[in-house]
Amino acid sequence: MIKIKLIREIKGKQLIKEYEELYDTPENLKKIVEETEDMKLDLDYDEWIYFKDHPEEILKETHILYDYKGLSTIDLELLDTIKNDKPKSLTEIAKLMNKDISTVQRNVNKLNENGLIELKEGNINNAKIPVFNYDKIEIAI
């Protein structure tokens, strides 16, 4: 079995900024928690309150994928390009990597479906913006 661990280190103040984009205020998030009784949102609220007092503290987040069917060379190259070049579209990735757009699209969709990247809505021509929010990948065989 192949296990892939994605690791992200983030300062409290950066996490708070992300929560502000998602939930606006801690009060809004608390209302949502009370309405939905969602435990993950409740944890987000607790982290928000904690990191307001500890903005420089670093949080280490991990996401583990089990039985992943393997990363190809192009997948690794895509992750590197997405992480370091921060492209604004799949077309831009294809140009940066000198690859055919259909190849890029197929591999990006696979990475997205398997939780390695996120595809966010872009502003121009419904472009999808690929995002890789992790600092490190560990692979165990």
Foldseek 3Di string as FASTA:
>chain_A
DKKKKFKFKDFLQVLLVVVCVVQVDLVSLVVVCVVPVDVVSVVSSVSNVVCVVVRGDMDMDMDMAPPDVDDDPVLVVLLCCCAPVQDQALVVVCVVVVHDSVVSVVSLVVCCVRPQWPWDFHDPPRGTGIHGRGDDMDMDD
